[in-house]
């Protein structure tokens, strides 16, 4: 019935909004694609799945594999000890008055929170998170290599004002 479908869509939008609100400040939030939250209801048959906003288990599995293999972020496995780095950079961006921090300080934090001893491992962490867009670190540019932008949103706003 069309009215039931409209009610279900409204309910799902409310649930989606609640999920997004609850995860937005979590350390793992940057690893979640908030615009593509999928609902699974394995209690109904898949006969009208194309008209129903709830994705069924088989369809979900297909979407999951498609997302995993099409997303560039999923191509590279990272050590689990690297995960706290994102949270540490977010905290650093909130604590410091400047969105740009000396590279030496960021390297020290990476060593501490990721439990790294080797400078090459720290370089890999910085490059990985730079490629994800969580920080900006231009190691090959002499004028920029001594600083890391830990608040990328700030830089985007500055550049958009200039343009």
Protein backbone atom coordinates (compact mmCIF):
# COMPACT_ATOMS: atom_id res chain seq x y z
CA UNK A 1 0.00 0.00 0.00
CA UNK A 2 1.47 3.44 -0.94
CA UNK A 3 0.67 4.98 2.46
CA UNK A 4 2.58 2.23 4.25
CA UNK A 5 5.59 2.79 2.01
CA UNK A 6 5.56 6.55 2.72
CA UNK A 7 5.36 5.92 6.48
CA UNK A 8 8.22 3.43 6.31
CA UNK A 9 10.35 5.90 4.34
CA UNK A 10 9.68 8.62 6.93
CA UNK A 11 10.52 6.25 9.77
CA UNK A 12 13.75 5.19 8.06
CA UNK A 13 14.74 8.83 7.52
CA UNK A 14 14.25 9.46 11.25
CA UNK A 15 16.34 6.40 12.12
CA UNK A 16 19.06 7.43 9.65
CA UNK A 17 19.17 10.97 11.10
CA UNK A 18 19.49 9.54 14.63
CA UNK A 19 22.32 7.24 13.59
CA UNK A 20 24.21 10.07 11.88
CA UNK A 21 23.76 12.32 14.92
CA UNK A 22 25.06 9.62 17.29
CA UNK A 23 28.17 8.75 15.29
CA UNK A 24 29.28 12.17 14.10
CA UNK A 25 31.62 12.84 17.05
CA UNK A 26 32.87 9.29 17.51
CA UNK A 27 36.53 8.46 16.77
CA UNK A 28 35.47 6.08 14.01
CA UNK A 29 33.03 8.49 12.33
CA UNK A 30 35.37 9.32 9.48
CA UNK A 31 35.38 5.66 8.45
CA UNK A 32 31.61 5.55 7.96
CA UNK A 33 29.89 6.67 4.78
CA UNK A 34 26.98 8.46 6.42
CA UNK A 35 25.20 9.16 3.15
CA UNK A 36 24.91 5.48 2.35
CA UNK A 37 23.43 3.88 5.48
CA UNK A 38 21.64 0.71 4.42
CA UNK A 39 18.72 -0.87 6.25
CA UNK A 40 18.30 -4.62 6.19
CA UNK A 41 15.00 -6.33 6.90
CA UNK A 42 15.28 -10.08 6.52
CA UNK A 43 11.73 -10.64 7.77
CA UNK A 44 10.10 -9.81 4.43
CA UNK A 45 10.41 -11.46 1.07
CA UNK A 46 12.32 -9.76 -1.73
CA UNK A 47 9.38 -9.73 -4.16
CA UNK A 48 8.88 -5.93 -4.11
CA UNK A 49 12.41 -4.99 -3.14
CA UNK A 50 12.79 -2.45 -5.92
CA UNK A 51 9.86 -0.44 -4.51
CA UNK A 52 10.73 -0.85 -0.85
CA UNK A 53 13.24 1.43 0.92
CA UNK A 54 14.45 -1.46 3.04
CA UNK A 55 17.23 -3.42 1.40
CA UNK A 56 17.04 -7.15 1.87
CA UNK A 57 19.93 -9.36 2.94
CA UNK A 58 20.95 -10.60 -0.53
CA UNK A 59 20.74 -7.10 -1.98
CA UNK A 60 22.71 -5.74 0.97
CA UNK A 61 25.47 -8.28 0.42
CA UNK A 62 25.71 -7.21 -3.22
CA UNK A 63 25.84 -3.52 -2.29
CA UNK A 64 28.44 -4.19 0.38
CA UNK A 65 30.78 -6.00 -2.01
CA UNK A 66 30.26 -3.33 -4.65
CA UNK A 67 31.12 -0.57 -2.16
CA UNK A 68 34.14 -2.44 -0.83
CA UNK A 69 35.68 -2.98 -4.21
CA UNK A 70 34.83 0.40 -5.71
CA UNK A 71 36.06 2.55 -2.82
CA UNK A 72 39.73 3.53 -3.12
CA UNK A 73 39.96 3.70 0.68
CA UNK A 74 39.29 -0.02 0.93
CA UNK A 75 42.14 -1.05 -1.36
CA UNK A 76 44.82 -0.58 1.25
CA UNK A 77 44.85 -2.56 4.46
CA UNK A 78 46.22 -0.59 7.39
CA UNK A 79 47.51 -1.71 10.75
CA UNK A 80 44.88 -1.35 13.45
CA UNK A 81 47.32 0.65 15.55
CA UNK A 82 46.97 3.50 13.00
CA UNK A 83 43.28 4.07 13.74
CA UNK A 84 43.74 6.28 16.83
CA UNK A 85 45.67 8.79 14.70
CA UNK A 86 42.48 10.26 13.20
CA UNK A 87 40.99 10.81 16.64
CA UNK A 88 44.25 12.31 17.91
CA UNK A 89 44.35 14.77 14.99
CA UNK A 90 40.74 15.74 15.59
CA UNK A 91 41.51 16.42 19.26
CA UNK A 92 44.64 18.35 18.32
CA UNK A 93 42.68 20.51 15.89
CA UNK A 94 40.22 21.33 18.69
CA UNK A 95 42.92 22.02 21.29
CA UNK A 96 45.31 24.24 19.37
CA UNK A 97 44.46 27.75 18.30
CA UNK A 98 45.97 27.15 14.88
CA UNK A 99 44.71 24.68 12.27
CA UNK A 100 48.32 24.25 11.16
CA UNK A 101 50.74 22.38 13.43
CA UNK A 102 54.48 21.78 13.09
CA UNK A 103 55.26 18.46 11.45
CA UNK A 104 57.56 17.51 14.33
CA UNK A 105 54.65 17.70 16.77
CA UNK A 106 52.37 15.63 14.54
CA UNK A 107 55.13 13.04 14.08
CA UNK A 108 55.57 12.82 17.85
CA UNK A 109 51.82 12.30 18.32
CA UNK A 110 51.75 9.64 15.58
CA UNK A 111 54.58 7.77 17.30
CA UNK A 112 52.80 7.96 20.64
CA UNK A 113 49.22 7.08 19.70
CA UNK A 114 50.13 4.52 17.02
CA UNK A 115 52.97 3.00 19.08
CA UNK A 116 55.50 3.45 16.28
CA UNK A 117 59.27 3.57 16.59
CA UNK A 118 60.36 3.70 12.96
CA UNK A 119 60.28 7.04 11.11
CA UNK A 120 59.30 5.20 7.91
CA UNK A 121 56.17 3.92 9.66
CA UNK A 122 55.33 7.46 10.76
CA UNK A 123 55.85 8.64 7.18
CA UNK A 124 53.42 5.93 6.02
CA UNK A 125 50.79 7.05 8.57
CA UNK A 126 51.10 10.69 7.50
CA UNK A 127 50.90 9.78 3.81
CA UNK A 128 47.92 7.48 4.34
CA UNK A 129 45.90 10.09 6.25
CA UNK A 130 46.97 12.79 3.79
CA UNK A 131 45.65 10.62 0.94
CA UNK A 132 42.38 10.17 2.80
CA UNK A 133 42.11 13.93 3.27
CA UNK A 134 42.13 13.82 7.07
CA UNK A 135 45.29 15.92 7.23
CA UNK A 136 47.38 17.78 4.69
CA UNK A 137 51.10 17.12 4.73
CA UNK A 138 53.17 17.98 1.68
CA UNK A 139 56.41 16.15 2.38
CA UNK A 140 57.85 16.82 -1.09
CA UNK A 141 57.37 20.59 -0.97
CA UNK A 142 60.18 22.40 0.85
CA UNK A 143 57.96 25.38 1.68
CA UNK A 144 55.18 23.23 3.17
CA UNK A 145 56.85 20.12 4.59
CA UNK A 146 57.48 21.60 8.05
CA UNK A 147 53.75 21.98 8.77
CA UNK A 148 50.64 19.81 8.78
CA UNK A 149 47.12 21.09 8.31
CA UNK A 150 45.16 19.24 10.99
CA UNK A 151 41.91 21.10 10.33
CA UNK A 152 41.31 20.53 6.63
CA UNK A 153 37.84 22.10 6.82
CA UNK A 154 39.47 25.37 7.87
CA UNK A 155 41.68 25.36 4.78
CA UNK A 156 38.73 24.59 2.52
CA UNK A 157 36.83 27.56 3.98
CA UNK A 158 39.82 29.85 3.56
CA UNK A 159 40.35 28.82 -0.04
CA UNK A 160 36.64 29.15 -0.84
CA UNK A 161 36.65 32.71 0.54
CA UNK A 162 39.65 33.57 -1.60
CA UNK A 163 37.98 32.20 -4.73
